[in-house]
Amino acid sequence: MVSSVTTFLRLNLGTLTSVPLMELVDLQQQIMIIVDELGKASAKAQHLPAPITSASRMQSNRHVMYVLKDTSARPAGKGAIIGFLKVGYKKLFVLDDREAHNEVEPLCILDFYIHESLQRHGHGRELFHYMLQKERVEPHQLAIDRPSQKLLKFLNKHYNLETTVPQVNNFVIFEGFFAHQHPPARKLPPKRAEGDIKPYSSSDREFLKVAVEPPWPLNRAPRRATPPVHPPPRSSSLGNSPERGPLRPFVPEQELLRSLRLCPPHPTARLLLATDPGGSPAQRRRTSSLPRSDESRY
């Protein structure tokens, strides 16, 4: 049973500036010593490498410490501290059961300690219940910073807090944490689906639409009628390159020579005419006059 002579203290070192200056120095020194000693005792009980509760941290972070005191204890009737519970509001990013990110500022359990000789006497539950009343919160609305196995068993035994919501930080929240809260959910953007891989670029597609033709006069179409040739349809499947349509057929040799005779003399035309086995009448006349020309030279 809990002793009827216990009392609670709510310490907030950030509000000590309202105390008159003459009393402030002595009071602040005494409270800082008590807080530091409580932090060391809690760290030792939890096997921590360093205290997580100190007077300097409470001043800078404005945390609140609830202290349970036995007024009838020794020495000199000044009482003795049974334990303490440190809480504070923190901005956190937590995940809900849908794995959506939520920015919240819940009341957090930061440190909890009951002296070893006074454990299992109901002091922890009394202190915790007093804090819930003063802060006006429900147990499932709390976030616990790195709770020990002993604290988790305590919460399960007295407040039926068992099912936790997995997090990526050191804080633990329980099922029902979002029951009375409606913070804006910050869902991560969905992973963009990879688009269809194009077998070639747009510039390649434009280039393939144009069939390269030979230069003039090789690009002249034949006079004979030929059935129209349609390029085969492009394959719709990815990875298959489009097929080019057939180029215009080359001009036959006789047709080319006939077209060249209609053009003005040109060095290229003369070379092509020289390859004609029959040759033109003018060419034959020049050839037949070669012996006379040679005789006149001698």
C-alpha atoms as a PDB file:
ATOM      1  CA  MET A   1       0.000   0.000   0.000  1.00  0.00           C
ATOM      2  CA  VAL A   2       1.050   3.573  -0.659  1.00  0.00           C
ATOM      3  CA  SER A   3       1.917   5.637   2.380  1.00  0.00           C
ATOM      4  CA  SER A   4      -0.565   8.407   3.169  1.00  0.00           C
ATOM      5  CA  VAL A   5       2.248  10.857   3.931  1.00  0.00           C
ATOM      6  CA  THR A   6       3.652  10.924   0.385  1.00  0.00           C
ATOM      7  CA  THR A   7       3.495  14.146  -1.566  1.00  0.00           C
ATOM      8  CA  PHE A   8       4.171  15.206  -5.129  1.00  0.00           C
ATOM      9  CA  LEU A   9       6.392  17.949  -6.462  1.00  0.00           C
ATOM     10  CA  ARG A  10       6.197  19.303  -9.965  1.00  0.00           C
ATOM     11  CA  LEU A  11       9.556  20.777 -10.867  1.00  0.00           C
ATOM     12  CA  ASN A  12      10.096  22.992 -13.871  1.00  0.00           C
ATOM     13  CA  LEU A  13      13.527  24.567 -13.688  1.00  0.00           C
ATOM     14  CA  GLY A  14      12.691  26.909 -16.539  1.00  0.00           C
ATOM     15  CA  THR A  15      10.283  28.848 -14.266  1.00  0.00           C
ATOM     16  CA  LEU A  16      12.707  29.501 -11.431  1.00  0.00           C
ATOM     17  CA  THR A  17      13.333  33.016 -12.718  1.00  0.00           C
ATOM     18  CA  SER A  18      10.031  34.097 -11.129  1.00  0.00           C
ATOM     19  CA  VAL A  19      11.512  33.496  -7.666  1.00  0.00           C
ATOM     20  CA  PRO A  20      12.978  36.594  -5.885  1.00  0.00           C
ATOM     21  CA  LEU A  21      16.688  36.990  -6.519  1.00  0.00           C
ATOM     22  CA  MET A  22      17.782  36.513  -2.867  1.00  0.00           C
ATOM     23  CA  GLU A  23      15.957  33.189  -2.613  1.00  0.00           C
ATOM     24  CA  LEU A  24      16.719  32.075  -6.131  1.00  0.00           C
ATOM     25  CA  VAL A  25      20.406  31.287  -5.696  1.00  0.00           C
ATOM     26  CA  ASP A  26      20.011  29.004  -2.702  1.00  0.00           C
ATOM     27  CA  LEU A  27      16.857  27.303  -4.008  1.00  0.00           C
ATOM     28  CA  GLN A  28      18.300  26.743  -7.448  1.00  0.00           C
ATOM     29  CA  GLN A  29      21.486  25.211  -6.088  1.00  0.00           C
ATOM     30  CA  GLN A  30      19.564  22.792  -3.888  1.00  0.00           C
ATOM     31  CA  ILE A  31      17.216  21.712  -6.664  1.00  0.00           C
ATOM     32  CA  MET A  32      20.059  21.282  -9.151  1.00  0.00           C
ATOM     33  CA  ILE A  33      21.903  19.013  -6.738  1.00  0.00           C
ATOM     34  CA  ILE A  34      18.799  16.884  -6.182  1.00  0.00           C
ATOM     35  CA  VAL A  35      18.053  16.600  -9.900  1.00  0.00           C
ATOM     36  CA  ASP A  36      21.624  15.634 -10.750  1.00  0.00           C
ATOM     37  CA  GLU A  37      21.672  12.937  -8.059  1.00  0.00           C
ATOM     38  CA  LEU A  38      18.352  11.535  -9.236  1.00  0.00           C
ATOM     39  CA  GLY A  39      19.666  11.403 -12.802  1.00  0.00           C
ATOM     40  CA  LYS A  40      22.762   9.486 -11.711  1.00  0.00           C
ATOM     41  CA  ALA A  41      20.677   6.986  -9.725  1.00  0.00           C
ATOM     42  CA  SER A  42      18.366   6.407 -12.687  1.00  0.00           C
ATOM     43  CA  ALA A  43      21.264   5.895 -15.103  1.00  0.00           C
ATOM     44  CA  LYS A  44      22.874   3.398 -12.734  1.00  0.00           C
ATOM     45  CA  ALA A  45      19.638   1.417 -12.355  1.00  0.00           C
ATOM     46  CA  GLN A  46      19.170   1.278 -16.144  1.00  0.00           C
ATOM     47  CA  HIS A  47      22.859   0.502 -16.806  1.00  0.00           C
ATOM     48  CA  LEU A  48      23.286   3.605 -18.938  1.00  0.00           C
ATOM     49  CA  PRO A  49      26.778   4.947 -19.693  1.00  0.00           C
ATOM     50  CA  ALA A  50      25.754   8.503 -18.709  1.00  0.00           C
ATOM     51  CA  PRO A  51      22.757  10.178 -17.038  1.00  0.00           C
ATOM     52  CA  ILE A  52      19.951  11.326 -19.312  1.00  0.00           C
ATOM     53  CA  THR A  53      18.503  13.593 -16.621  1.00  0.00           C
ATOM     54  CA  SER A  54      20.402  16.619 -15.328  1.00  0.00           C
ATOM     55  CA  ALA A  55      19.585  20.100 -14.097  1.00  0.00           C
ATOM     56  CA  SER A  56      21.287  21.763 -17.048  1.00  0.00           C
ATOM     57  CA  ARG A  57      19.246  19.763 -19.547  1.00  0.00           C
ATOM     58  CA  MET A  58      16.017  20.521 -17.771  1.00  0.00           C
ATOM     59  CA  GLN A  59      16.758  24.230 -17.878  1.00  0.00           C
ATOM     60  CA  SER A  60      17.490  24.260 -21.602  1.00  0.00           C
ATOM     61  CA  ASN A  61      14.724  21.871 -22.683  1.00  0.00           C
ATOM     62  CA  ARG A  62      12.033  23.003 -20.217  1.00  0.00           C
ATOM     63  CA  HIS A  63      11.157  19.463 -19.215  1.00  0.00           C
ATOM     64  CA  VAL A  64       8.937  18.769 -16.220  1.00  0.00           C
ATOM     65  CA  MET A  65       9.900  16.442 -13.379  1.00  0.00           C
ATOM     66  CA  TYR A  66       7.297  14.885 -11.094  1.00  0.00           C
ATOM     67  CA  VAL A  67       8.875  13.925  -7.787  1.00  0.00           C
ATOM     68  CA  LEU A  68       7.316  11.580  -5.238  1.00  0.00           C
ATOM     69  CA  LYS A  69       8.394  12.432  -1.693  1.00  0.00           C
ATOM     70  CA  ASP A  70       7.892  10.699   1.652  1.00  0.00           C
ATOM     71  CA  THR A  71       7.469  13.544   4.146  1.00  0.00           C
ATOM     72  CA  SER A  72       7.772  11.299   7.226  1.00  0.00           C
ATOM     73  CA  ALA A  73      11.118   9.833   6.283  1.00  0.00           C
ATOM     74  CA  ARG A  74      14.442  10.624   7.822  1.00  0.00           C
ATOM     75  CA  PRO A  75      16.674  12.622   8.197  1.00  0.00           C
ATOM     76  CA  ALA A  76      15.497  15.374  10.532  1.00  0.00           C
ATOM     77  CA  GLY A  77      11.918  15.017   9.346  1.00  0.00           C
ATOM     78  CA  LYS A  78      12.677  16.687   6.013  1.00  0.00           C
ATOM     79  CA  GLY A  79      11.525  13.647   4.092  1.00  0.00           C
ATOM     80  CA  ALA A  80      13.129  11.550   1.361  1.00  0.00           C
ATOM     81  CA  ILE A  81      12.573  11.226  -2.369  1.00  0.00           C
ATOM     82  CA  ILE A  82      11.009   7.940  -3.490  1.00  0.00           C
ATOM     83  CA  GLY A  83      11.330   8.457  -7.232  1.00  0.00           C
ATOM     84  CA  PHE A  84      10.681  10.766 -10.147  1.00  0.00           C
ATOM     85  CA  LEU A  85       9.086  10.868 -13.583  1.00  0.00           C
ATOM     86  CA  LYS A  86      10.386  13.262 -16.234  1.00  0.00           C
ATOM     87  CA  VAL A  87       8.150  14.259 -19.162  1.00  0.00           C
ATOM     88  CA  GLY A  88       8.220  16.815 -21.949  1.00  0.00           C
ATOM     89  CA  TYR A  89       6.653  17.673 -25.282  1.00  0.00           C
ATOM     90  CA  LYS A  90       8.689  16.880 -28.388  1.00  0.00           C
ATOM     91  CA  LYS A  91       8.129  17.243 -32.102  1.00  0.00           C
ATOM     92  CA  LEU A  92       8.382  13.808 -33.650  1.00  0.00           C
ATOM     93  CA  PHE A  93       7.929  12.156 -37.013  1.00  0.00           C
ATOM     94  CA  VAL A  94       6.150   8.880 -36.388  1.00  0.00           C
ATOM     95  CA  LEU A  95       4.635   6.194 -38.584  1.00  0.00           C
ATOM     96  CA  ASP A  96       1.044   5.064 -38.304  1.00  0.00           C
ATOM     97  CA  ASP A  97      -0.259   1.590 -39.056  1.00  0.00           C
ATOM     98  CA  ARG A  98      -0.347   2.493 -42.784  1.00  0.00           C
ATOM     99  CA  GLU A  99       3.332   3.502 -42.675  1.00  0.00           C
ATOM    100  CA  ALA A 100       2.438   7.132 -43.359  1.00  0.00           C
ATOM    101  CA  HIS A 101       4.679   9.812 -41.846  1.00  0.00           C
ATOM    102  CA  ASN A 102       3.009  12.073 -39.280  1.00  0.00           C
ATOM    103  CA  GLU A 103       4.447  15.162 -37.614  1.00  0.00           C
ATOM    104  CA  VAL A 104       3.149  15.271 -34.036  1.00  0.00           C
ATOM    105  CA  GLU A 105       4.114  16.829 -30.718  1.00  0.00           C
ATOM    106  CA  PRO A 106       3.044  14.351 -28.028  1.00  0.00           C
ATOM    107  CA  LEU A 107       3.879  14.254 -24.352  1.00  0.00           C
ATOM    108  CA  CYS A 108       6.897  11.976 -24.009  1.00  0.00           C
ATOM    109  CA  ILE A 109       8.102   9.849 -21.115  1.00  0.00           C
ATOM    110  CA  LEU A 110      11.784  10.717 -20.907  1.00  0.00           C
ATOM    111  CA  ASP A 111      12.922   9.132 -17.631  1.00  0.00           C
ATOM    112  CA  PHE A 112      11.262   7.103 -14.875  1.00  0.00           C
ATOM    113  CA  TYR A 113      12.879   5.931 -11.677  1.00  0.00           C
ATOM    114  CA  ILE A 114      11.767   4.504  -8.328  1.00  0.00           C
ATOM    115  CA  HIS A 115      14.361   3.747  -5.661  1.00  0.00           C
ATOM    116  CA  GLU A 116      15.291   0.072  -5.597  1.00  0.00           C
ATOM    117  CA  SER A 117      14.313  -0.368  -1.938  1.00  0.00           C
ATOM    118  CA  LEU A 118      10.822   1.041  -2.550  1.00  0.00           C
ATOM    119  CA  GLN A 119       9.867  -0.762  -5.749  1.00  0.00           C
ATOM    120  CA  ARG A 120       6.827  -3.072  -5.927  1.00  0.00           C
ATOM    121  CA  HIS A 121       4.992  -0.997  -3.346  1.00  0.00           C
ATOM    122  CA  GLY A 122       2.686   0.879  -5.751  1.00  0.00           C
ATOM    123  CA  HIS A 123       4.753   4.074  -5.755  1.00  0.00           C
ATOM    124  CA  GLY A 124       5.398   3.917  -9.492  1.00  0.00           C
ATOM    125  CA  ARG A 125       1.730   3.566 -10.369  1.00  0.00           C
ATOM    126  CA  GLU A 126       0.786   6.380  -7.972  1.00  0.00           C
ATOM    127  CA  LEU A 127       3.355   8.706  -9.502  1.00  0.00           C
ATOM    128  CA  PHE A 128       2.396   7.812 -13.069  1.00  0.00           C
ATOM    129  CA  HIS A 129      -1.319   8.281 -12.382  1.00  0.00           C
ATOM    130  CA  TYR A 130      -0.681  11.697 -10.837  1.00  0.00           C
ATOM    131  CA  MET A 131       1.219  12.799 -13.935  1.00  0.00           C
ATOM    132  CA  LEU A 132      -1.617  11.669 -16.246  1.00  0.00           C
ATOM    133  CA  GLN A 133      -4.128  13.720 -14.268  1.00  0.00           C
ATOM    134  CA  LYS A 134      -2.015  16.870 -14.239  1.00  0.00           C
ATOM    135  CA  GLU A 135      -1.115  16.662 -17.935  1.00  0.00           C
ATOM    136  CA  ARG A 136      -4.635  15.553 -18.931  1.00  0.00           C
ATOM    137  CA  VAL A 137      -3.526  12.790 -21.249  1.00  0.00           C
ATOM    138  CA  GLU A 138      -4.372   9.132 -21.715  1.00  0.00           C
ATOM    139  CA  PRO A 139      -1.693   6.419 -21.463  1.00  0.00           C
ATOM    140  CA  HIS A 140      -2.021   5.429 -25.144  1.00  0.00           C
ATOM    141  CA  GLN A 141      -1.338   9.048 -26.198  1.00  0.00           C
ATOM    142  CA  LEU A 142       2.171   8.985 -24.756  1.00  0.00           C
ATOM    143  CA  ALA A 143       5.428   8.413 -26.586  1.00  0.00           C
ATOM    144  CA  ILE A 144       8.164   6.689 -24.595  1.00  0.00           C
ATOM    145  CA  ASP A 145      11.816   7.405 -25.263  1.00  0.00           C
ATOM    146  CA  ARG A 146      13.846   4.156 -25.300  1.00  0.00           C
ATOM    147  CA  PRO A 147      11.801   2.341 -22.659  1.00  0.00           C
ATOM    148  CA  SER A 148      13.396  -0.466 -20.673  1.00  0.00           C
ATOM    149  CA  GLN A 149      11.828  -3.906 -20.487  1.00  0.00           C
ATOM    150  CA  LYS A 150      10.804  -3.150 -16.907  1.00  0.00           C
ATOM    151  CA  LEU A 151       8.923  -0.027 -18.012  1.00  0.00           C
ATOM    152  CA  LEU A 152       7.197  -1.889 -20.854  1.00  0.00           C
ATOM    153  CA  LYS A 153       6.010  -4.544 -18.399  1.00  0.00           C
ATOM    154  CA  PHE A 154       4.812  -1.791 -16.059  1.00  0.00           C
ATOM    155  CA  LEU A 155       2.713  -0.178 -18.814  1.00  0.00           C
ATOM    156  CA  ASN A 156       1.293  -3.523 -19.891  1.00  0.00           C
ATOM    157  CA  LYS A 157       0.360  -4.502 -16.348  1.00  0.00           C
ATOM    158  CA  HIS A 158      -1.321  -1.282 -15.239  1.00  0.00           C
ATOM    159  CA  TYR A 159      -2.573   0.246 -18.522  1.00  0.00           C
ATOM    160  CA  ASN A 160      -2.900  -2.710 -20.911  1.00  0.00           C
ATOM    161  CA  LEU A 161      -0.433  -1.170 -23.346  1.00  0.00           C
ATOM    162  CA  GLU A 162       1.007  -4.072 -25.298  1.00  0.00           C
ATOM    163  CA  THR A 163       0.735  -3.694 -29.074  1.00  0.00           C
ATOM    164  CA  THR A 164       3.241  -1.177 -30.406  1.00  0.00           C
ATOM    165  CA  VAL A 165       3.375   0.618 -33.758  1.00  0.00           C
ATOM    166  CA  PRO A 166       6.807   0.021 -35.351  1.00  0.00           C
ATOM    167  CA  GLN A 167       8.945   3.135 -35.680  1.00  0.00           C
ATOM    168  CA  VAL A 168      12.283   4.047 -37.213  1.00  0.00           C
ATOM    169  CA  ASN A 169      13.407   6.150 -34.231  1.00  0.00           C
ATOM    170  CA  ASN A 170      13.985   5.439 -30.530  1.00  0.00           C
ATOM    171  CA  PHE A 171      10.448   6.306 -29.458  1.00  0.00           C
ATOM    172  CA  VAL A 172       7.742   3.728 -28.783  1.00  0.00           C
ATOM    173  CA  ILE A 173       4.053   4.407 -29.332  1.00  0.00           C
ATOM    174  CA  PHE A 174       1.189   2.018 -28.718  1.00  0.00           C
ATOM    175  CA  GLU A 175      -1.923   1.057 -30.606  1.00  0.00           C
ATOM    176  CA  GLY A 176      -4.509   3.823 -30.248  1.00  0.00           C
ATOM    177  CA  PHE A 177      -1.942   6.623 -30.370  1.00  0.00           C
ATOM    178  CA  PHE A 178      -3.748   8.186 -33.363  1.00  0.00           C
ATOM    179  CA  ALA A 179      -7.254   7.467 -32.067  1.00  0.00           C
ATOM    180  CA  HIS A 180      -7.882  11.040 -30.863  1.00  0.00           C
ATOM    181  CA  GLN A 181      -5.338  12.812 -33.019  1.00  0.00           C
ATOM    182  CA  HIS A 182      -5.718  13.975 -36.570  1.00  0.00           C
ATOM    183  CA  PRO A 183      -2.273  15.233 -37.572  1.00  0.00           C
ATOM    184  CA  PRO A 184      -1.594  15.866 -41.245  1.00  0.00           C
ATOM    185  CA  ALA A 185      -0.234  12.670 -42.700  1.00  0.00           C
ATOM    186  CA  ARG A 186       2.926  13.043 -44.719  1.00  0.00           C
ATOM    187  CA  LYS A 187       3.041  10.096 -47.022  1.00  0.00           C
ATOM    188  CA  LEU A 188       6.166   9.521 -49.010  1.00  0.00           C
ATOM    189  CA  PRO A 189       5.643  10.061 -52.750  1.00  0.00           C
ATOM    190  CA  PRO A 190       4.978   6.784 -54.563  1.00  0.00           C
ATOM    191  CA  LYS A 191       7.781   5.355 -56.557  1.00  0.00           C
ATOM    192  CA  ARG A 192       7.420   6.454 -60.153  1.00  0.00           C
ATOM    193  CA  ALA A 193       6.821   3.596 -62.541  1.00  0.00           C
ATOM    194  CA  GLU A 194       9.499   3.217 -65.124  1.00  0.00           C
ATOM    195  CA  GLY A 195       8.234   4.222 -68.543  1.00  0.00           C
ATOM    196  CA  ASP A 196       8.465   2.146 -71.684  1.00  0.00           C
ATOM    197  CA  ILE A 197      12.001   1.955 -72.930  1.00  0.00           C
ATOM    198  CA  LYS A 198      12.231   3.468 -76.394  1.00  0.00           C
ATOM    199  CA  PRO A 199      14.351   1.497 -78.887  1.00  0.00           C
ATOM    200  CA  TYR A 200      15.675   4.718 -80.444  1.00  0.00           C
ATOM    201  CA  SER A 201      15.466   8.446 -80.038  1.00  0.00           C
ATOM    202  CA  SER A 202      12.993  10.779 -81.699  1.00  0.00           C
ATOM    203  CA  SER A 203      15.688  12.133 -84.004  1.00  0.00           C
ATOM    204  CA  ASP A 204      16.391   8.613 -85.202  1.00  0.00           C
ATOM    205  CA  ARG A 205      12.709   8.084 -85.905  1.00  0.00           C
ATOM    206  CA  GLU A 206      12.542  11.246 -88.029  1.00  0.00           C
ATOM    207  CA  PHE A 207      15.655  10.224 -89.901  1.00  0.00           C
ATOM    208  CA  LEU A 208      14.303   6.778 -90.681  1.00  0.00           C
ATOM    209  CA  LYS A 209      11.145   8.253 -92.200  1.00  0.00           C
ATOM    210  CA  VAL A 210      13.149   9.774 -95.091  1.00  0.00           C
ATOM    211  CA  ALA A 211      14.634   7.371 -97.634  1.00  0.00           C
ATOM    212  CA  VAL A 212      17.951   8.560 -99.006  1.00  0.00           C
ATOM    213  CA  GLU A 213      17.935   8.806-102.814  1.00  0.00           C
ATOM    214  CA  PRO A 214      20.936   8.853-105.165  1.00  0.00           C
ATOM    215  CA  PRO A 215      21.956  12.242-106.703  1.00  0.00           C
ATOM    216  CA  TRP A 216      20.801  13.508-110.084  1.00  0.00           C
ATOM    217  CA  PRO A 217      20.643  12.109-112.694  1.00  0.00           C
ATOM    218  CA  LEU A 218      20.636   8.721-111.024  1.00  0.00           C
ATOM    219  CA  ASN A 219      17.394   9.515-109.234  1.00  0.00           C
ATOM    220  CA  ARG A 220      15.279   9.845-112.374  1.00  0.00           C
ATOM    221  CA  ALA A 221      12.361   7.481-112.331  1.00  0.00           C
ATOM    222  CA  PRO A 222      12.006   5.004-115.210  1.00  0.00           C
ATOM    223  CA  ARG A 223       9.336   5.657-117.761  1.00  0.00           C
ATOM    224  CA  ARG A 224       7.923   2.209-117.552  1.00  0.00           C
ATOM    225  CA  ALA A 225       5.058   1.777-115.174  1.00  0.00           C
ATOM    226  CA  THR A 226       5.868  -0.087-112.005  1.00  0.00           C
ATOM    227  CA  PRO A 227       3.426  -1.152-109.330  1.00  0.00           C
ATOM    228  CA  PRO A 228       3.498   1.116-106.261  1.00  0.00           C
ATOM    229  CA  VAL A 229       5.581  -0.210-103.455  1.00  0.00           C
ATOM    230  CA  HIS A 230       4.325   0.416 -99.943  1.00  0.00           C
ATOM    231  CA  PRO A 231       6.718   0.119 -96.999  1.00  0.00           C
ATOM    232  CA  PRO A 232       5.848  -2.684 -94.597  1.00  0.00           C
ATOM    233  CA  PRO A 233       4.083  -1.626 -91.403  1.00  0.00           C
ATOM    234  CA  ARG A 234       6.277  -0.930 -88.398  1.00  0.00           C
ATOM    235  CA  SER A 235       6.297  -3.492 -85.684  1.00  0.00           C
ATOM    236  CA  SER A 236       4.449  -2.362 -82.561  1.00  0.00           C
ATOM    237  CA  SER A 237       6.604  -4.389 -80.217  1.00  0.00           C
ATOM    238  CA  LEU A 238       9.423  -2.689 -78.398  1.00  0.00           C
ATOM    239  CA  GLY A 239      12.974  -3.530 -79.301  1.00  0.00           C
ATOM    240  CA  ASN A 240      12.278  -4.121 -83.039  1.00  0.00           C
ATOM    241  CA  SER A 241      13.776  -1.501 -85.331  1.00  0.00           C
ATOM    242  CA  PRO A 242      11.518  -0.253 -88.135  1.00  0.00           C
ATOM    243  CA  GLU A 243      12.267  -1.519 -91.631  1.00  0.00           C
ATOM    244  CA  ARG A 244      13.031   0.920 -94.409  1.00  0.00           C
ATOM    245  CA  GLY A 245      10.969   0.903 -97.555  1.00  0.00           C
ATOM    246  CA  PRO A 246      12.747  -0.039-100.823  1.00  0.00           C
ATOM    247  CA  LEU A 247      14.537   2.781-102.582  1.00  0.00           C
ATOM    248  CA  ARG A 248      13.559   3.851-106.063  1.00  0.00           C
ATOM    249  CA  PRO A 249      15.105   1.498-108.660  1.00  0.00           C
ATOM    250  CA  PHE A 250      18.210   2.674-110.444  1.00  0.00           C
ATOM    251  CA  VAL A 251      17.926   3.986-114.003  1.00  0.00           C
ATOM    252  CA  PRO A 252      18.955   1.434-116.682  1.00  0.00           C
ATOM    253  CA  GLU A 253      22.113   2.231-118.603  1.00  0.00           C
ATOM    254  CA  GLN A 254      20.431   2.776-121.985  1.00  0.00           C
ATOM    255  CA  GLU A 255      17.864   5.119-120.456  1.00  0.00           C
ATOM    256  CA  LEU A 256      20.635   7.058-118.746  1.00  0.00           C
ATOM    257  CA  LEU A 257      22.566   7.476-121.997  1.00  0.00           C
ATOM    258  CA  ARG A 258      19.438   8.637-123.800  1.00  0.00           C
ATOM    259  CA  SER A 259      18.828  11.322-121.182  1.00  0.00           C
ATOM    260  CA  LEU A 260      22.426  12.473-121.293  1.00  0.00           C
ATOM    261  CA  ARG A 261      22.289  13.070-125.068  1.00  0.00           C
ATOM    262  CA  LEU A 262      19.523  15.618-124.464  1.00  0.00           C
ATOM    263  CA  CYS A 263      21.657  17.596-122.012  1.00  0.00           C
ATOM    264  CA  PRO A 264      24.327  20.191-122.835  1.00  0.00           C
ATOM    265  CA  PRO A 265      27.852  18.863-123.176  1.00  0.00           C
ATOM    266  CA  HIS A 266      29.415  18.149-119.830  1.00  0.00           C
ATOM    267  CA  PRO A 267      32.665  16.412-118.906  1.00  0.00           C
ATOM    268  CA  THR A 268      30.727  13.719-117.096  1.00  0.00           C
ATOM    269  CA  ALA A 269      28.509  13.115-120.116  1.00  0.00           C
ATOM    270  CA  ARG A 270      31.520  12.816-122.432  1.00  0.00           C
ATOM    271  CA  LEU A 271      33.060  10.151-120.231  1.00  0.00           C
ATOM    272  CA  LEU A 272      29.830   8.201-120.169  1.00  0.00           C
ATOM    273  CA  LEU A 273      29.474   8.475-123.985  1.00  0.00           C
ATOM    274  CA  ALA A 274      32.974   7.195-124.435  1.00  0.00           C
ATOM    275  CA  THR A 275      31.897   3.911-122.900  1.00  0.00           C
ATOM    276  CA  ASP A 276      29.238   3.393-125.633  1.00  0.00           C
ATOM    277  CA  PRO A 277      30.519   0.594-127.923  1.00  0.00           C
ATOM    278  CA  GLY A 278      28.719   1.947-131.000  1.00  0.00           C
ATOM    279  CA  GLY A 279      29.293   5.591-130.341  1.00  0.00           C
ATOM    280  CA  SER A 280      27.530   8.490-132.002  1.00  0.00           C
ATOM    281  CA  PRO A 281      27.908   9.391-135.776  1.00  0.00           C
ATOM    282  CA  ALA A 282      30.013  12.393-134.870  1.00  0.00           C
ATOM    283  CA  GLN A 283      32.303  10.227-132.840  1.00  0.00           C
ATOM    284  CA  ARG A 284      32.667   7.764-135.739  1.00  0.00           C
ATOM    285  CA  ARG A 285      33.494  10.630-138.123  1.00  0.00           C
ATOM    286  CA  ARG A 286      36.210  11.889-135.802  1.00  0.00           C
ATOM    287  CA  THR A 287      37.577   8.392-135.505  1.00  0.00           C
ATOM    288  CA  SER A 288      37.669   7.833-139.279  1.00  0.00           C
ATOM    289  CA  SER A 289      39.577  11.067-139.823  1.00  0.00           C
ATOM    290  CA  LEU A 290      42.392  10.144-137.463  1.00  0.00           C
ATOM    291  CA  PRO A 291      44.651   8.470-140.143  1.00  0.00           C
ATOM    292  CA  ARG A 292      44.459  11.538-142.393  1.00  0.00           C
ATOM    293  CA  SER A 293      45.326  13.712-139.513  1.00  0.00           C
ATOM    294  CA  ASP A 294      48.343  11.561-138.685  1.00  0.00           C
ATOM    295  CA  GLU A 295      49.580  11.577-142.344  1.00  0.00           C
ATOM    296  CA  SER A 296      49.385  15.360-142.560  1.00  0.00           C
ATOM    297  CA  ARG A 297      51.537  15.697-139.460  1.00  0.00           C
ATOM    298  CA  TYR A 298      54.363  13.826-141.149  1.00  0.00           C
END
